[in-house]
Amino acid sequence: MSASQFNDESNRASKSVGIADSPRRNRRARAGNSRRKDLDNTLTFIRDIDRAASPIEICSVILKAVRPYGFNNILAGTIPLPGSTQSQQESNVVLADWPMDWAQRYFSSGYLFADPAIRRVTSDVSPFMWNELAPLCRDDPMASRVMDEAGDFQLKCGFTVPLVTLEGEVAGFSIAGPRVEMPPYLRGMMSLVTAYAFGHALNLRAKSIEAAQARITPREQEILQWAAAGKTEWEIGEILNISEHTVDKFFRSARSKLNATNRTQAVAEAFRRYIIT
């Protein structure tokens, strides 16, 4: 073979290898671009959460990102001790964009302690889809009932990330909807972002607690404490030796300061802000 023939063959071989290798290079480039895009989206997501000035705004930022995948609701909080009252359970909620009727049924019926998602959160640190809870429901009618009734409120499918606070409290962060998708990218991002969002919400709550404690008077605190014990306005008046009208006046003032619409919510908010214990 002459030198010119050898060079021609080499050129053809190089072109052939280049043509064959081109799709692989393109795939690698697309994968690299996709990873960079995912990282950019995650960083933007975190910056938006950091700018949120309230728990409601944090929920809005998260729902904006996950709603395209069918997730419409959020509930996140620390897990209360067994035997906690309804108000104490509600005070552990840190972030909530949840159907109010379902929340009322859930806490008033003691469903929290039968919820298979809560059992999973307290026993396993790995994130999970709710359809993975089937084994916990199979031999537990109450657990099945909780999940079935949640579905009646458009909370049929969900994704939960177990968390642990700096104080060692176990917490859970859930997003849910009637029908959802959970692509690998979203699962990974939510596993990271939920911890940041929960921490930011706890910081906002700490500031809110300080502000509320500064505004609530000792008498209002005392009345909230007796209300948490289940006493009526008349009974509180008898205990404190003041009129029922005066008790109602103090209670309405405390309720306004706590941005609560009713007695139960005011007591729950007082627990949440550590005004009463």
Foldseek 3Di string as FASTA:
>chain_A
DDPVVVVVVVVVVVVVVCVVCVVVVVVVVVVVVVVVVLVVVLVVLLVQLLPDLALVSNFVSVCVVFVVFFWDWKWKFFQDDPPDALLLRLLRTLHTDAPPVLNCCCSNVVLSVVALVNVCLVPDQAKDKPVVSVVVCVPPVSNVVNQVVCLVRQFNIKIKGWDADPVGTIMIMMIGGNGGDQPPSNSVSCNPNVVSSSVSSVVSLQVVLVVLLVVQDPVLLQLLQVVVVVDQLCRVCVVVVHHSVVSVVSPVVQCVSLVHDDSSRSSSSCSSSVSDD
